[in-house]
Amino acid sequence: MRTSRAGLAVAVSVLVAATAPAAATTPDPLAPYRGQQVAWGACPFKLRSPSRVAECARITVPRDWSAPSAGTDLKVAISRVAATGTRQGAILVNPGGPGGRGTSLAGALAGLEPSVNEHYDIVGMDPRGTGQEGGEDPGYVCRVPLGRLPLDDALDARDRSARSIALHQRTPRVVAEACQSDALAPFITTWQTAHDMDLIRSLLGDGKLNYLGFSYGTWLGAKYASLFPDRAGKMVLDSSVNFEGRLQAAFEAFPTIDQRQFDRVYAPWLARRFPDQLGKTAAEVRAKWERLRTYFESRGVSPDDFDQIFVGNGSPRQWLTGALVLTKGAAALDGTATPPPPAALKDDLDRVSRAVFGRSADRLTAADVVAAAPELEPDYADVPGTRLAVACGDQPAPEANWYKLLSDLQGPVYPLFGWAYGLSEPCGYWSDRPRHELPRLSTAAAKNILVIQGEFDPQTGYEQAEAAARAAGVPMISVAESPFHGQYAVGGNSCVDNLVNGFYLGTARPAATICPGVPLPGEHRVFPVPGPAGEPSGTAAPAPRDARSTARERLQNTISSVNRGR
């Protein structure tokens, strides 16, 4: 029998294939990271009631996910509060920043929302660059030479002399240079952190990652969903930046939204609570505030430091701190004794006074405020670098001259922070260019995203959240009249919490809703304020749950504080 040429060729090829040595396989450079064993143990941070006990671990991540074999590996701290019932997955939580540590946040949220923790592990993370909460690793810290910082203790950004402007711009320049001198800076970005998040998902054994992020955490969560659309589960973005636009725009809007909150909500509240000391109308309060700014300057508190007390004023604790400064200052300025505080605020004011100034509210004086003033601002000797590396390195930032022009434009309209912001932004001196592009949300990724936003939030503007939700085609839960930063679980608003809990626990994603706000500190009803959100969807006020809960307020203050840095 004859063999055809075609048959012979097939036979030869089979023989060659069978006898040739196997081609060498290229090892997967990510296999060591995906295959690592997570050693859970006790957490190094202090547990505060009603937080649930978490277990903690540190995982290994590559310095650069685009070149995992290059450079020294990094450690990322994570925490977990396991589901108490039938597990549906995990929710990774992030408090914002950039640079906020989140390992203790897991236990705090699990304690406040036990119905969600029944079905989900609540997982926290101290993002790359932030070290370990409660541990010895401080993370990526910029060593700023103090000798290069301005020595003038009376800085006032309203002073537009060439000398004043030069002194103001010196600090952000020195800080930016110090941070960029660390070789780690280019690898502390949202792109890298999103890949760390996906590794956490893999190590937990889950196909999808659910998420809750506050403030900058909304940007981080949205970019995770953009980079890993098939692995993004239910994602709640609370107090949102415009994640479809520029991250830096959220910081550039601080003067606008700070002024709006101060003029429309904070000053009227001060007038209602402290009329005899600060004025009976918002206009009178603003005038008294200006007099007190001058008074404290005469006592050695720089006008810039005084202004900062009221910038990013996004939590009840910060509101009460400002009230203490103003009322104690008014007593000294007017030469009168401080009258008893409103009964509904007495305990809260005393608690804040002890925490911030180290003495009871009835003993606190303007002199104590002056003595504590340097402690109200961070020590610039060691500056946490993650906020700057992310905010300045995720996308190209404008140059310093642009920020100076922004200061010139914003100052006359938004004097509370408009004069200072453009002169104090280190991103204007950031020379490193982004190494990776951050995509926008796809339709598939957006289908499981829900945005939440307070109407008068002074740290992420309502219009930014609205623009993001509109561009991505996702619904937004608005909270009418709310002047605070962080809504879900920390605001004590049952309308918000019920919608979010339902979303996590299996009901359909809610449609766009305007929730009524809850009363401000020391008040028992909501005072309507014209604003961008419109009228609430329901006429009845939401049941306030435990709106005055110390635990909720404490966590809201933590979230606000993490995100006060510009």
Protein backbone atom coordinates (compact mmCIF):
# COMPACT_ATOMS: atom_id res chain seq x y z
CA MET A 1 0.00 0.00 0.00
CA ARG A 2 1.38 3.43 -0.90
CA THR A 3 1.44 6.39 1.49
CA SER A 4 0.38 9.77 0.05
CA ARG A 5 2.72 12.70 0.29
CA ALA A 6 0.17 14.46 2.45
CA GLY A 7 -0.03 11.49 4.78
CA LEU A 8 3.75 11.30 4.96
CA ALA A 9 3.96 14.97 5.88
CA VAL A 10 1.46 14.52 8.68
CA ALA A 11 3.33 11.51 10.01
CA VAL A 12 6.64 13.33 9.96
CA SER A 13 5.15 16.37 11.74
CA VAL A 14 3.65 14.16 14.42
CA LEU A 15 6.96 12.37 14.90
CA VAL A 16 8.88 15.65 15.16
CA ALA A 17 6.38 17.02 17.63
CA ALA A 18 6.63 13.91 19.73
CA THR A 19 10.42 13.84 19.84
CA ALA A 20 11.21 17.59 20.06
CA PRO A 21 11.93 18.97 23.54
CA ALA A 22 9.03 20.90 25.09
CA ALA A 23 9.26 24.68 24.74
CA ALA A 24 10.20 26.42 27.97
CA THR A 25 7.23 28.07 29.69
CA THR A 26 7.58 31.65 30.90
CA PRO A 27 6.91 31.87 34.66
CA ASP A 28 4.05 34.11 35.69
CA PRO A 29 5.66 37.05 37.54
CA LEU A 30 2.43 37.61 39.49
CA ALA A 31 2.12 34.02 40.73
CA PRO A 32 4.03 34.63 44.00
CA TYR A 33 1.65 37.45 44.91
CA ARG A 34 -1.53 35.60 43.99
CA GLY A 35 -0.36 32.42 45.69
CA GLN A 36 0.73 33.93 49.00
CA GLN A 37 -0.90 32.74 52.19
CA VAL A 38 -2.63 35.42 54.27
CA ALA A 39 -1.59 35.11 57.93
CA TRP A 40 -4.48 36.62 59.87
CA GLY A 41 -3.85 37.69 63.45
CA ALA A 42 -4.56 40.37 66.04
CA CYS A 43 -4.80 44.01 64.92
CA PRO A 44 -2.36 46.61 66.29
CA PHE A 45 -4.88 49.45 66.60
CA LYS A 46 -7.08 50.17 69.60
CA LEU A 47 -10.67 48.91 69.46
CA ARG A 48 -13.39 51.43 70.27
CA SER A 49 -16.98 50.46 71.11
CA PRO A 50 -19.21 49.54 69.30
CA SER A 51 -16.64 48.40 66.74
CA ARG A 52 -16.49 44.68 66.10
CA VAL A 53 -13.23 42.83 66.55
CA ALA A 54 -11.30 42.50 63.32
CA GLU A 55 -8.39 40.30 62.36
CA CYS A 56 -5.44 41.81 60.51
CA ALA A 57 -2.68 40.79 58.15
CA ARG A 58 -0.05 42.30 55.88
CA ILE A 59 0.14 41.17 52.28
CA THR A 60 2.96 41.56 49.80
CA VAL A 61 2.40 43.59 46.64
CA PRO A 62 4.81 44.53 43.86
CA ARG A 63 6.12 48.07 43.91
CA ASP A 64 5.01 48.41 40.30
CA TRP A 65 2.23 46.23 38.92
CA SER A 66 3.34 46.99 35.37
CA ALA A 67 6.83 45.63 36.13
CA PRO A 68 6.40 43.30 39.12
CA SER A 69 9.94 41.95 39.00
CA ALA A 70 11.49 45.40 39.27
CA GLY A 71 12.03 47.07 42.60
CA THR A 72 11.47 46.05 46.20
CA ASP A 73 8.09 44.64 47.17
CA LEU A 74 5.76 46.62 49.42
CA LYS A 75 3.56 45.58 52.31
CA VAL A 76 -0.13 46.51 52.54
CA ALA A 77 -2.06 46.09 55.78
CA ILE A 78 -5.58 44.66 55.60
CA SER A 79 -8.28 43.79 58.13
CA ARG A 80 -11.39 41.65 58.11
CA VAL A 81 -14.55 41.29 60.15
CA ALA A 82 -15.99 38.00 58.97
CA ALA A 83 -19.66 37.68 58.04
CA THR A 84 -21.71 36.50 61.00
CA GLY A 85 -24.27 34.63 58.88
CA THR A 86 -24.59 33.33 55.33
CA ARG A 87 -21.71 34.93 53.45
CA GLN A 88 -22.45 36.71 50.16
CA GLY A 89 -18.98 38.13 49.64
CA ALA A 90 -16.80 40.93 50.97
CA ILE A 91 -17.12 44.73 51.05
CA LEU A 92 -13.81 46.58 50.93
CA VAL A 93 -14.04 49.96 52.68
CA ASN A 94 -11.93 53.09 52.25
CA PRO A 95 -12.19 56.37 54.24
CA GLY A 96 -10.65 58.59 51.55
CA GLY A 97 -7.76 61.01 51.76
CA PRO A 98 -5.87 60.21 49.63
CA GLY A 99 -3.81 58.56 52.33
CA GLY A 100 -6.49 57.55 54.83
CA ARG A 101 -5.86 54.31 56.67
CA GLY A 102 -8.87 52.01 56.63
CA THR A 103 -8.09 48.92 58.69
CA SER A 104 -9.98 50.15 61.77
CA LEU A 105 -12.85 51.34 59.56
CA ALA A 106 -13.91 47.75 58.91
CA GLY A 107 -14.76 47.00 62.54
CA ALA A 108 -16.38 50.40 63.04
CA LEU A 109 -18.73 49.98 60.08
CA ALA A 110 -19.47 46.36 60.97
CA GLY A 111 -20.53 47.52 64.42
CA LEU A 112 -22.77 50.27 63.06
CA GLU A 113 -24.36 48.17 60.30
CA PRO A 114 -24.64 44.60 61.67
CA SER A 115 -27.28 43.57 59.12
CA VAL A 116 -24.76 44.08 56.32
CA ASN A 117 -21.98 42.37 58.27
CA GLU A 118 -24.27 39.37 58.69
CA HIS A 119 -23.83 38.57 55.00
CA TYR A 120 -20.55 40.26 54.08
CA ASP A 121 -17.02 40.25 55.36
CA ILE A 122 -16.16 43.90 55.98
CA VAL A 123 -12.58 44.36 54.82
CA GLY A 124 -10.33 47.34 55.50
CA MET A 125 -7.07 48.37 53.89
CA ASP A 126 -4.25 50.76 54.71
CA PRO A 127 -3.42 51.70 51.10
CA ARG A 128 0.13 51.52 49.82
CA GLY A 129 2.20 54.34 51.19
CA THR A 130 0.22 54.72 54.42
CA GLY A 131 2.06 52.15 56.54
CA GLN A 132 0.01 50.32 59.16
CA GLU A 133 -2.61 51.79 61.46
CA GLY A 134 -1.49 51.28 65.04
CA GLY A 135 1.75 49.67 63.92
CA GLU A 136 5.34 50.86 63.67
CA ASP A 137 5.41 51.36 59.90
CA PRO A 138 4.75 55.08 59.23
CA GLY A 139 4.56 54.59 55.48
CA TYR A 140 5.75 57.02 52.85
CA VAL A 141 6.77 60.14 54.76
CA CYS A 142 8.27 63.25 53.19
CA ARG A 143 11.18 64.64 55.22
CA VAL A 144 10.74 68.38 54.91
CA PRO A 145 13.72 70.56 55.88
CA LEU A 146 12.27 73.03 58.36
CA GLY A 147 14.98 75.56 57.62
CA ARG A 148 13.51 76.13 54.16
CA LEU A 149 10.02 76.94 55.43
CA PRO A 150 8.89 80.53 56.08
CA LEU A 151 9.51 81.79 59.59
CA ASP A 152 6.77 84.44 59.51
CA ASP A 153 4.11 83.39 62.03
CA ALA A 154 1.59 86.00 60.90
CA LEU A 155 0.87 84.79 57.37
CA ASP A 156 -2.32 86.12 55.85
CA ALA A 157 -3.16 85.08 52.30
CA ARG A 158 -5.26 88.24 51.94
CA ASP A 159 -1.97 90.16 51.93
CA ARG A 160 -1.21 90.30 48.19
CA SER A 161 2.20 91.87 48.47
CA ALA A 162 5.01 90.19 46.55
CA ARG A 163 6.65 89.22 49.85
CA SER A 164 3.51 87.56 51.21
CA ILE A 165 2.87 85.63 48.02
CA ALA A 166 6.48 84.43 47.89
CA LEU A 167 6.33 83.27 51.52
CA HIS A 168 3.07 81.42 50.94
CA GLN A 169 4.40 79.65 47.85
CA ARG A 170 7.58 78.56 49.60
CA THR A 171 5.92 75.86 51.70
CA PRO A 172 4.18 73.95 48.87
CA ARG A 173 7.35 74.11 46.77
CA VAL A 174 9.52 72.70 49.57
CA VAL A 175 6.97 70.00 50.42
CA ALA A 176 6.59 68.92 46.76
CA GLU A 177 10.35 68.72 46.32
CA ALA A 178 10.76 66.71 49.53
CA CYS A 179 8.07 64.23 48.52
CA GLN A 180 9.41 63.76 45.01
CA SER A 181 12.91 63.12 46.33
CA ASP A 182 11.67 59.73 47.56
CA ALA A 183 11.97 57.08 44.83
CA LEU A 184 8.67 55.56 45.99
CA ALA A 185 6.60 58.59 44.93
CA PRO A 186 5.81 57.48 41.33
CA PHE A 187 4.41 54.19 42.60
CA ILE A 188 1.92 55.66 45.09
CA THR A 189 -1.00 56.19 42.73
CA THR A 190 -4.61 55.17 42.30
CA TRP A 191 -3.66 52.89 39.40
CA GLN A 192 -1.29 50.91 41.62
CA THR A 193 -3.69 50.84 44.59
CA ALA A 194 -6.53 49.57 42.40
CA HIS A 195 -4.35 46.62 41.44
CA ASP A 196 -3.63 46.01 45.15
CA MET A 197 -7.40 45.91 45.66
CA ASP A 198 -7.80 43.28 42.98
CA LEU A 199 -5.12 41.18 44.66
CA ILE A 200 -7.10 41.42 47.91
CA ARG A 201 -10.19 40.20 46.04
CA SER A 202 -8.20 37.25 44.70
CA LEU A 203 -6.72 36.36 48.10
CA LEU A 204 -10.20 36.41 49.63
CA GLY A 205 -11.28 33.88 47.00
CA ASP A 206 -14.04 36.07 45.58
CA GLY A 207 -14.96 36.54 41.96
CA LYS A 208 -16.17 40.10 42.54
CA LEU A 209 -15.20 42.88 44.92
CA ASN A 210 -17.94 44.91 46.58
CA TYR A 211 -16.96 48.32 47.86
CA LEU A 212 -17.77 51.34 50.03
CA GLY A 213 -15.63 54.46 49.61
CA PHE A 214 -15.87 57.93 51.10
CA SER A 215 -14.53 61.13 49.52
CA TYR A 216 -11.30 60.30 47.62
CA GLY A 217 -12.40 56.70 48.13
CA THR A 218 -15.09 57.35 45.53
CA TRP A 219 -12.37 58.08 42.96
CA LEU A 220 -10.48 54.95 43.99
CA GLY A 221 -13.57 52.75 43.77
CA ALA A 222 -14.65 54.15 40.42
CA LYS A 223 -11.19 53.64 38.97
CA TYR A 224 -11.10 50.07 40.26
CA ALA A 225 -14.39 49.45 38.45
CA SER A 226 -12.98 51.11 35.32
CA LEU A 227 -9.84 48.96 35.35
CA PHE A 228 -11.55 45.72 36.39
CA PRO A 229 -15.16 46.02 35.16
CA ASP A 230 -15.80 42.26 35.23
CA ARG A 231 -14.67 41.98 38.85
CA ALA A 232 -16.48 45.00 40.32
CA GLY A 233 -19.47 44.10 42.45
CA LYS A 234 -21.84 46.47 44.23
CA MET A 235 -20.07 49.78 44.78
CA VAL A 236 -21.31 52.64 46.95
CA LEU A 237 -19.49 55.96 46.45
CA ASP A 238 -20.27 58.32 49.32
CA SER A 239 -19.43 62.06 49.28
CA SER A 240 -18.18 61.86 45.77
CA VAL A 241 -15.63 63.63 43.64
CA ASN A 242 -16.21 63.80 39.90
CA PHE A 243 -14.65 60.44 39.13
CA GLU A 244 -15.27 60.94 35.42
CA GLY A 245 -13.25 64.16 35.38
CA ARG A 246 -10.14 65.47 37.15
CA LEU A 247 -9.31 64.48 40.73
CA GLN A 248 -7.53 67.77 41.33
CA ALA A 249 -10.73 69.64 40.48
CA ALA A 250 -12.18 68.39 43.77
CA PHE A 251 -9.47 70.25 45.70
CA GLU A 252 -9.74 73.32 43.50
CA ALA A 253 -13.43 73.53 44.44
CA PHE A 254 -12.72 73.73 48.18
CA PRO A 255 -12.94 77.55 48.36
CA THR A 256 -16.32 77.56 46.61
CA ILE A 257 -18.00 74.87 48.66
CA ASP A 258 -16.42 75.95 51.96
CA GLN A 259 -17.77 79.46 51.53
CA ARG A 260 -21.21 78.23 50.53
CA GLN A 261 -21.49 76.00 53.58
CA PHE A 262 -20.22 78.74 55.91
CA ASP A 263 -22.55 81.43 54.56
CA ARG A 264 -25.73 79.40 54.07
CA VAL A 265 -25.59 76.80 56.83
CA TYR A 266 -22.88 77.31 59.47
CA ALA A 267 -23.31 81.06 60.09
CA PRO A 268 -27.12 80.77 60.37
CA TRP A 269 -26.67 77.85 62.80
CA LEU A 270 -24.27 79.93 64.91
CA ALA A 271 -26.83 82.75 64.92
CA ARG A 272 -29.56 80.40 66.16
CA ARG A 273 -27.38 78.76 68.82
CA PHE A 274 -25.24 81.69 70.05
CA PRO A 275 -27.14 84.90 69.19
CA ASP A 276 -26.05 86.96 72.22
CA GLN A 277 -22.35 86.37 71.56
CA LEU A 278 -22.00 86.08 67.81
CA GLY A 279 -25.02 87.84 66.32
CA LYS A 280 -28.67 87.19 65.64
CA THR A 281 -28.32 86.91 61.85
CA ALA A 282 -25.87 85.24 59.50
CA ALA A 283 -24.65 88.67 58.39
CA GLU A 284 -23.94 89.67 61.98
CA VAL A 285 -22.10 86.39 62.58
CA ARG A 286 -19.90 86.96 59.53
CA ALA A 287 -19.08 90.47 60.74
CA LYS A 288 -18.21 89.16 64.22
CA TRP A 289 -16.10 86.43 62.65
CA GLU A 290 -14.04 89.10 60.88
CA ARG A 291 -13.52 91.01 64.15
CA LEU A 292 -12.44 87.81 65.87
CA ARG A 293 -10.02 87.03 63.06
CA THR A 294 -8.34 90.37 63.80
CA TYR A 295 -8.51 89.81 67.54
CA PHE A 296 -6.77 86.44 67.40
CA GLU A 297 -4.14 87.85 65.04
CA SER A 298 -3.33 90.45 67.71
CA ARG A 299 -2.82 87.57 70.14
CA GLY A 300 -0.38 85.71 67.87
CA VAL A 301 -2.64 83.40 65.86
CA SER A 302 -1.91 83.90 62.17
CA PRO A 303 -4.97 84.74 60.04
CA ASP A 304 -4.23 81.71 57.85
CA ASP A 305 -4.33 79.41 60.89
CA PHE A 306 -7.56 81.00 62.09
CA ASP A 307 -9.18 80.52 58.68
CA GLN A 308 -8.13 76.86 58.60
CA ILE A 309 -10.34 76.06 61.59
CA PHE A 310 -13.36 76.70 59.34
CA VAL A 311 -12.04 75.08 56.13
CA GLY A 312 -13.27 71.57 55.39
CA ASN A 313 -15.79 72.07 58.20
CA GLY A 314 -17.46 68.74 57.54
CA SER A 315 -18.25 67.12 60.88
CA PRO A 316 -20.13 67.98 64.09
CA ARG A 317 -16.87 67.94 66.03
CA GLN A 318 -15.30 70.52 63.73
CA TRP A 319 -18.44 72.67 63.94
CA LEU A 320 -18.27 72.60 67.72
CA THR A 321 -14.54 73.34 67.72
CA GLY A 322 -15.25 76.45 65.65
CA ALA A 323 -18.07 77.43 68.00
CA LEU A 324 -15.76 77.16 71.01
CA VAL A 325 -13.08 79.29 69.34
CA LEU A 326 -15.59 81.97 68.39
CA THR A 327 -17.52 82.14 71.66
CA LYS A 328 -14.40 82.15 73.85
CA GLY A 329 -12.86 84.75 71.59
CA ALA A 330 -16.03 86.86 71.71
CA ALA A 331 -16.00 86.83 75.50
CA ALA A 332 -12.42 88.12 75.52
CA LEU A 333 -13.02 90.65 72.77
CA ASP A 334 -16.18 92.03 74.35
CA GLY A 335 -14.88 91.87 77.93
CA THR A 336 -17.80 89.75 79.10
CA ALA A 337 -18.17 86.41 80.78
CA THR A 338 -19.05 83.47 78.56
CA PRO A 339 -22.74 82.73 79.07
CA PRO A 340 -23.88 79.16 79.64
CA PRO A 341 -24.02 77.21 76.36
CA PRO A 342 -27.34 76.01 74.92
CA ALA A 343 -28.52 73.09 77.03
CA ALA A 344 -28.77 70.82 73.98
CA LEU A 345 -25.09 71.43 73.17
CA LYS A 346 -23.59 71.51 76.66
CA ASP A 347 -22.35 67.91 76.82
CA ASP A 348 -21.16 67.90 73.21
CA LEU A 349 -19.23 71.14 73.63
CA ASP A 350 -17.60 69.84 76.78
CA ARG A 351 -16.57 66.57 75.12
CA VAL A 352 -15.03 68.40 72.15
CA SER A 353 -13.31 70.96 74.37
CA ARG A 354 -11.61 68.23 76.37
CA ALA A 355 -10.58 66.36 73.23
CA VAL A 356 -9.21 69.38 71.33
CA PHE A 357 -8.01 71.76 74.04
CA GLY A 358 -7.50 69.47 77.00
CA ARG A 359 -9.91 71.17 79.39
CA SER A 360 -13.63 71.42 80.04
CA ALA A 361 -15.68 73.92 78.07
CA ASP A 362 -16.60 75.97 81.14
CA ARG A 363 -12.88 76.52 81.92
CA LEU A 364 -11.75 77.14 78.35
CA THR A 365 -10.61 80.69 77.55
CA ALA A 366 -9.39 82.58 74.51
CA ALA A 367 -5.87 82.31 75.91
CA ASP A 368 -6.20 78.52 75.83
CA VAL A 369 -7.25 78.71 72.19
CA VAL A 370 -4.20 80.83 71.39
CA ALA A 371 -1.91 78.41 73.21
CA ALA A 372 -3.36 75.47 71.28
CA ALA A 373 -3.29 77.16 67.87
CA PRO A 374 0.01 75.61 66.69
CA GLU A 375 -1.39 72.18 67.54
CA LEU A 376 -4.39 72.71 65.30
CA GLU A 377 -2.13 72.53 62.23
CA PRO A 378 0.12 69.62 61.19
CA ASP A 379 3.84 69.58 61.88
CA TYR A 380 5.49 70.08 58.51
CA ALA A 381 8.68 68.31 59.60
CA ASP A 382 7.24 64.96 58.53
CA VAL A 383 4.50 65.17 55.94
CA PRO A 384 2.56 62.03 54.93
CA GLY A 385 3.28 61.74 51.24
CA THR A 386 0.42 59.60 49.95
CA ARG A 387 -2.04 62.46 49.59
CA LEU A 388 0.37 64.43 47.42
CA ALA A 389 1.68 61.51 45.38
CA VAL A 390 -1.86 60.50 44.45
CA ALA A 391 -3.49 63.91 44.04
CA CYS A 392 -0.55 65.30 42.06
CA GLY A 393 0.52 62.11 40.31
CA ASP A 394 -2.69 60.48 39.10
CA GLN A 395 -3.16 63.06 36.33
CA PRO A 396 -1.18 66.07 35.08
CA ALA A 397 -1.63 69.05 37.41
CA PRO A 398 -1.49 72.75 36.51
CA GLU A 399 1.67 74.71 37.26
CA ALA A 400 2.16 77.09 40.19
CA ASN A 401 1.41 80.20 38.10
CA TRP A 402 -2.01 78.76 37.26
CA TYR A 403 -2.76 78.21 40.94
CA LYS A 404 -1.64 81.76 41.72
CA LEU A 405 -4.15 83.03 39.14
CA LEU A 406 -6.82 80.81 40.68
CA SER A 407 -6.09 82.45 44.04
CA ASP A 408 -6.50 85.90 42.50
CA LEU A 409 -9.87 84.88 41.05
CA GLN A 410 -11.27 82.95 44.02
CA GLY A 411 -10.11 85.22 46.84
CA PRO A 412 -12.48 88.15 46.33
CA VAL A 413 -15.49 85.83 45.93
CA TYR A 414 -14.66 83.13 48.46
CA PRO A 415 -12.44 84.86 51.05
CA LEU A 416 -12.62 82.07 53.64
CA PHE A 417 -10.17 79.92 51.66
CA GLY A 418 -10.07 81.38 48.16
CA TRP A 419 -7.04 83.58 48.82
CA ALA A 420 -5.03 80.79 50.44
CA TYR A 421 -5.80 77.68 48.40
CA GLY A 422 -4.09 78.63 45.16
CA LEU A 423 -0.96 79.72 47.06
CA SER A 424 -0.73 76.52 49.10
CA GLU A 425 -1.20 73.71 46.55
CA PRO A 426 1.96 71.54 46.21
CA CYS A 427 0.68 70.04 42.96
CA GLY A 428 1.73 73.25 41.22
CA TYR A 429 5.35 72.21 41.87
CA TRP A 430 4.94 68.50 41.08
CA SER A 431 7.17 67.60 38.13
CA ASP A 432 6.63 63.83 37.83
CA ARG A 433 4.28 62.90 35.03
CA PRO A 434 1.67 60.11 35.37
CA ARG A 435 2.86 56.70 34.22
CA HIS A 436 -0.55 55.10 33.67
CA GLU A 437 -3.85 56.28 32.27
CA LEU A 438 -6.96 55.99 34.39
CA PRO A 439 -9.94 55.07 32.18
CA ARG A 440 -13.50 56.23 32.58
CA LEU A 441 -16.32 53.89 33.57
CA SER A 442 -17.75 51.55 31.00
CA THR A 443 -21.47 50.92 30.81
CA ALA A 444 -20.94 47.45 32.24
CA ALA A 445 -18.94 48.76 35.18
CA ALA A 446 -21.44 51.52 35.97
CA LYS A 447 -24.44 49.25 36.35
CA ASN A 448 -23.65 48.38 39.97
CA ILE A 449 -22.55 51.83 41.20
CA LEU A 450 -24.53 54.06 43.55
CA VAL A 451 -23.51 57.63 44.47
CA ILE A 452 -24.44 59.44 47.71
CA GLN A 453 -23.96 63.16 48.33
CA GLY A 454 -24.79 65.76 50.98
CA GLU A 455 -26.12 69.04 49.59
CA PHE A 456 -23.77 71.40 51.45
CA ASP A 457 -20.79 69.10 51.92
CA PRO A 458 -17.75 71.44 52.27
CA GLN A 459 -15.21 68.81 51.23
CA THR A 460 -16.67 67.29 48.06
CA GLY A 461 -19.01 69.57 46.19
CA TYR A 462 -22.55 68.59 45.27
CA GLU A 463 -22.04 69.65 41.66
CA GLN A 464 -19.00 67.37 41.32
CA ALA A 465 -20.92 64.32 42.49
CA GLU A 466 -23.87 65.25 40.30
CA ALA A 467 -21.61 65.63 37.25
CA ALA A 468 -20.02 62.23 37.88
CA ALA A 469 -23.36 60.47 38.31
CA ARG A 470 -24.75 62.09 35.16
CA ALA A 471 -21.68 61.29 33.05
CA ALA A 472 -21.60 57.66 34.21
CA GLY A 473 -25.37 57.21 34.02
CA VAL A 474 -25.71 56.10 37.65
CA PRO A 475 -28.30 57.16 40.26
CA MET A 476 -27.44 59.52 43.10
CA ILE A 477 -28.94 59.67 46.58
CA SER A 478 -28.89 63.34 47.58
CA VAL A 479 -29.23 64.40 51.22
CA ALA A 480 -31.01 67.74 51.41
CA GLU A 481 -29.59 70.40 53.74
CA SER A 482 -26.75 68.14 54.93
CA PRO A 483 -23.54 70.13 55.60
CA PHE A 484 -21.42 67.16 56.64
CA HIS A 485 -18.92 64.89 54.91
CA GLY A 486 -19.90 61.22 54.87
CA GLN A 487 -23.51 60.07 54.90
CA TYR A 488 -24.01 56.31 54.95
CA ALA A 489 -23.77 54.72 58.42
CA VAL A 490 -22.27 57.88 59.97
CA GLY A 491 -25.02 60.48 59.49
CA GLY A 492 -27.79 58.66 61.37
CA ASN A 493 -30.15 59.14 58.42
CA SER A 494 -32.51 56.19 58.01
CA CYS A 495 -33.49 57.20 54.46
CA VAL A 496 -29.88 56.89 53.30
CA ASP A 497 -29.01 53.84 55.36
CA ASN A 498 -32.09 51.86 54.36
CA LEU A 499 -31.50 52.46 50.66
CA VAL A 500 -27.83 51.47 50.85
CA ASN A 501 -28.42 48.44 53.07
CA GLY A 502 -31.15 47.26 50.73
CA PHE A 503 -28.81 47.61 47.77
CA TYR A 504 -26.13 45.52 49.45
CA LEU A 505 -28.57 42.92 50.74
CA GLY A 506 -30.34 42.13 47.49
CA THR A 507 -32.91 44.71 46.47
CA ALA A 508 -32.57 46.51 43.17
CA ARG A 509 -30.27 49.49 42.98
CA PRO A 510 -32.37 52.47 44.08
CA ALA A 511 -33.36 55.17 41.65
CA ALA A 512 -32.19 58.74 42.12
CA THR A 513 -33.61 59.97 45.44
CA ILE A 514 -33.48 63.15 47.51
CA CYS A 515 -33.49 62.15 51.18
CA PRO A 516 -34.56 64.71 53.79
CA GLY A 517 -31.76 65.81 56.09
CA VAL A 518 -31.61 65.34 59.85
CA PRO A 519 -31.40 68.16 62.43
CA LEU A 520 -28.08 69.90 63.03
CA PRO A 521 -26.27 69.63 66.40
CA GLY A 522 -28.38 70.98 69.26
CA GLU A 523 -31.53 71.29 67.13
CA HIS A 524 -34.70 69.26 66.81
CA ARG A 525 -35.87 70.20 63.34
CA VAL A 526 -34.38 70.84 59.94
CA PHE A 527 -34.10 74.44 58.74
CA PRO A 528 -34.52 74.43 54.93
CA VAL A 529 -31.79 76.17 52.96
CA PRO A 530 -31.93 76.94 49.21
CA GLY A 531 -29.35 74.82 47.45
CA PRO A 532 -28.54 72.70 44.41
CA ALA A 533 -30.28 69.47 45.47
CA GLY A 534 -33.90 70.56 45.22
CA GLU A 535 -36.76 69.37 47.39
CA PRO A 536 -36.66 65.99 49.18
CA SER A 537 -38.49 63.12 47.51
CA GLY A 538 -40.62 62.58 50.61
CA THR A 539 -42.30 65.15 52.81
CA ALA A 540 -41.76 63.30 56.08
CA ALA A 541 -38.37 63.59 57.77
CA PRO A 542 -36.48 60.29 58.04
CA ALA A 543 -36.42 58.49 61.36
CA PRO A 544 -33.12 59.70 62.80
CA ARG A 545 -32.06 56.27 64.10
CA ASP A 546 -29.44 57.21 66.67
CA ALA A 547 -28.46 60.41 64.90
CA ARG A 548 -26.81 61.79 68.02
CA SER A 549 -24.86 58.57 68.50
CA THR A 550 -21.34 59.30 69.71
CA ALA A 551 -20.03 56.35 67.72
CA ARG A 552 -21.50 57.63 64.44
CA GLU A 553 -20.28 61.16 65.06
CA ARG A 554 -16.82 59.91 65.98
CA LEU A 555 -16.55 57.96 62.73
CA GLN A 556 -17.93 60.86 60.70
CA ASN A 557 -15.31 63.11 62.27
CA THR A 558 -12.60 60.60 61.36
CA ILE A 559 -13.75 60.53 57.74
CA SER A 560 -13.95 64.31 57.58
CA SER A 561 -10.52 64.73 59.21
CA VAL A 562 -8.88 62.29 56.81
CA ASN A 563 -10.19 64.34 53.91
CA ARG A 564 -9.51 67.88 55.23
CA GLY A 565 -6.01 67.98 53.75
CA ARG A 566 -5.75 69.81 50.45
